[in-house]
C-alpha atoms as a PDB file:
ATOM      1  CA  MET A   1     234.163  25.163 125.673  1.00  0.00           C
ATOM      2  CA  ARG A   2     234.781  24.392 129.323  1.00  0.00           C
ATOM      3  CA  LEU A   3     234.787  28.072 130.227  1.00  0.00           C
ATOM      4  CA  HIS A   4     231.609  28.752 128.239  1.00  0.00           C
ATOM      5  CA  PHE A   5     229.766  26.002 130.065  1.00  0.00           C
ATOM      6  CA  TRP A   6     231.183  27.012 133.434  1.00  0.00           C
ATOM      7  CA  ALA A   7     229.993  30.585 132.874  1.00  0.00           C
ATOM      8  CA  MET A   8     226.516  29.293 132.021  1.00  0.00           C
ATOM      9  CA  ARG A   9     226.472  27.288 135.250  1.00  0.00           C
ATOM     10  CA  GLU A  10     227.733  30.235 137.295  1.00  0.00           C
ATOM     11  CA  CYS A  11     224.814  32.296 135.943  1.00  0.00           C
ATOM     12  CA  GLY A  12     222.372  29.507 136.806  1.00  0.00           C
ATOM     13  CA  ILE A  13     221.215  29.061 133.232  1.00  0.00           C
ATOM     14  CA  PHE A  14     221.948  25.333 133.050  1.00  0.00           C
ATOM     15  CA  GLU A  15     219.816  24.709 136.130  1.00  0.00           C
ATOM     16  CA  ARG A  16     216.972  27.049 135.129  1.00  0.00           C
ATOM     17  CA  SER A  17     216.668  25.709 131.595  1.00  0.00           C
ATOM     18  CA  PRO A  18     218.042  22.212 130.964  1.00  0.00           C
ATOM     19  CA  SER A  19     216.594  22.268 127.439  1.00  0.00           C
ATOM     20  CA  PHE A  20     218.516  25.452 126.650  1.00  0.00           C
ATOM     21  CA  ALA A  21     221.642  23.900 128.185  1.00  0.00           C
ATOM     22  CA  GLU A  22     221.334  20.934 125.810  1.00  0.00           C
ATOM     23  CA  TYR A  23     220.845  23.281 122.871  1.00  0.00           C
ATOM     24  CA  TYR A  24     223.838  25.398 123.928  1.00  0.00           C
ATOM     25  CA  ILE A  25     226.132  22.379 124.185  1.00  0.00           C
ATOM     26  CA  LYS A  26     225.175  21.419 120.627  1.00  0.00           C
ATOM     27  CA  PHE A  27     225.526  25.022 119.447  1.00  0.00           C
ATOM     28  CA  ILE A  28     229.053  25.284 120.838  1.00  0.00           C
ATOM     29  CA  ALA A  29     229.937  21.834 119.434  1.00  0.00           C
ATOM     30  CA  HIS A  30     228.856  22.954 115.981  1.00  0.00           C
ATOM     31  CA  PHE A  31     230.694  26.272 115.947  1.00  0.00           C
ATOM     32  CA  VAL A  32     233.905  25.109 117.605  1.00  0.00           C
ATOM     33  CA  SER A  33     234.469  22.856 114.593  1.00  0.00           C
ATOM     34  CA  VAL A  34     235.337  26.002 112.631  1.00  0.00           C
ATOM     35  CA  TYR A  35     238.506  26.213 114.728  1.00  0.00           C
ATOM     36  CA  GLU A  36     239.195  22.531 115.385  1.00  0.00           C
ATOM     37  CA  ARG A  37     237.413  19.739 113.526  1.00  0.00           C
ATOM     38  CA  THR A  38     237.928  17.188 116.320  1.00  0.00           C
ATOM     39  CA  ALA A  39     236.610  19.430 119.100  1.00  0.00           C
ATOM     40  CA  PRO A  40     232.855  18.661 118.851  1.00  0.00           C
ATOM     41  CA  ALA A  41     233.425  15.211 120.329  1.00  0.00           C
ATOM     42  CA  PHE A  42     234.553  16.908 123.540  1.00  0.00           C
ATOM     43  CA  ALA A  43     231.603  19.281 124.024  1.00  0.00           C
ATOM     44  CA  ARG A  44     229.616  17.038 126.354  1.00  0.00           C
ATOM     45  CA  ASP A  45     232.771  16.194 128.294  1.00  0.00           C
ATOM     46  CA  SER A  46     233.497  19.907 128.640  1.00  0.00           C
ATOM     47  CA  ALA A  47     229.990  20.451 129.991  1.00  0.00           C
ATOM     48  CA  ARG A  48     230.565  17.684 132.546  1.00  0.00           C
ATOM     49  CA  TRP A  49     233.914  19.243 133.493  1.00  0.00           C
ATOM     50  CA  SER A  50     232.191  22.555 134.221  1.00  0.00           C
ATOM     51  CA  ALA A  51     229.833  20.811 136.679  1.00  0.00           C
ATOM     52  CA  ASP A  52     232.657  19.420 138.823  1.00  0.00           C
ATOM     53  CA  PRO A  53     233.759  21.881 141.530  1.00  0.00           C
ATOM     54  CA  GLN A  54     236.997  19.946 142.105  1.00  0.00           C
ATOM     55  CA  LYS A  55     237.969  20.351 138.450  1.00  0.00           C
ATOM     56  CA  THR A  56     237.130  24.035 138.274  1.00  0.00           C
ATOM     57  CA  GLN A  57     238.982  24.648 141.543  1.00  0.00           C
ATOM     58  CA  ALA A  58     242.037  22.778 140.215  1.00  0.00           C
ATOM     59  CA  TYR A  59     241.919  25.003 137.131  1.00  0.00           C
ATOM     60  CA  LEU A  60     242.014  28.108 139.314  1.00  0.00           C
ATOM     61  CA  GLN A  61     244.733  26.705 141.576  1.00  0.00           C
ATOM     62  CA  ASN A  62     246.879  25.867 138.537  1.00  0.00           C
ATOM     63  CA  GLY A  63     246.934  29.507 137.481  1.00  0.00           C
ATOM     64  CA  ARG A  64     244.005  29.088 135.093  1.00  0.00           C
ATOM     65  CA  VAL A  65     245.829  26.418 133.129  1.00  0.00           C
ATOM     66  CA  MET A  66     244.076  23.183 132.187  1.00  0.00           C
ATOM     67  CA  THR A  67     246.914  20.848 133.036  1.00  0.00           C
ATOM     68  CA  ASP A  68     244.702  17.796 132.522  1.00  0.00           C
ATOM     69  CA  VAL A  69     244.636  18.355 128.751  1.00  0.00           C
ATOM     70  CA  LEU A  70     247.951  20.044 127.987  1.00  0.00           C
ATOM     71  CA  GLY A  71     250.123  17.766 125.871  1.00  0.00           C
ATOM     72  CA  LEU A  72     247.431  15.090 125.627  1.00  0.00           C
ATOM     73  CA  SER A  73     247.268  13.429 122.218  1.00  0.00           C
ATOM     74  CA  LEU A  74     243.954  13.197 120.385  1.00  0.00           C
ATOM     75  CA  ARG A  75     244.037   9.423 120.740  1.00  0.00           C
ATOM     76  CA  ASP A  76     244.500   9.639 124.524  1.00  0.00           C
ATOM     77  CA  ALA A  77     241.875  12.360 124.858  1.00  0.00           C
ATOM     78  CA  LEU A  78     239.320  10.338 122.894  1.00  0.00           C
ATOM     79  CA  ALA A  79     240.094   7.285 125.022  1.00  0.00           C
ATOM     80  CA  GLN A  80     238.956   9.223 128.094  1.00  0.00           C
ATOM     81  CA  LEU A  81     235.502   9.853 126.620  1.00  0.00           C
ATOM     82  CA  PRO A  82     232.597   7.474 127.117  1.00  0.00           C
ATOM     83  CA  THR A  83     232.487   5.031 124.200  1.00  0.00           C
ATOM     84  CA  GLN A  84     229.290   6.499 122.735  1.00  0.00           C
ATOM     85  CA  GLU A  85     230.894   9.957 122.518  1.00  0.00           C
ATOM     86  CA  ARG A  86     234.039   8.938 120.642  1.00  0.00           C
ATOM     87  CA  GLU A  87     232.396   8.959 117.229  1.00  0.00           C
ATOM     88  CA  PRO A  88     229.509  11.015 115.911  1.00  0.00           C
ATOM     89  CA  VAL A  89     226.279   9.103 116.460  1.00  0.00           C
ATOM     90  CA  ASN A  90     223.201  10.079 114.474  1.00  0.00           C
ATOM     91  CA  HIS A  91     225.089  13.151 113.268  1.00  0.00           C
ATOM     92  CA  TRP A  92     225.327  14.684 116.754  1.00  0.00           C
ATOM     93  CA  PRO A  93     225.187  17.647 117.411  1.00  0.00           C
ATOM     94  CA  TYR A  94     222.694  18.079 114.589  1.00  0.00           C
ATOM     95  CA  CYS A  95     219.938  15.891 115.990  1.00  0.00           C
END
């Protein structure tokens, strides 16, 4: 998800169309659940990650390895999210 959102930013799509960016975050959140049922909760966080040049630079410097999430338990990962993103609210991303 992080790389999808980063690519969208690199192309300028997030800035040119914030409404499409919001749709795309929800779209990715929906479809990533096919591969990992807990992943949708991290879609908005992944979009925020892609907006932080320090984080994307660290990713590149670490040999394109996301060391900040490797080995992190689901419980610890969820604890890093804002409270309102830890559980589906109003059936997000479907609203």
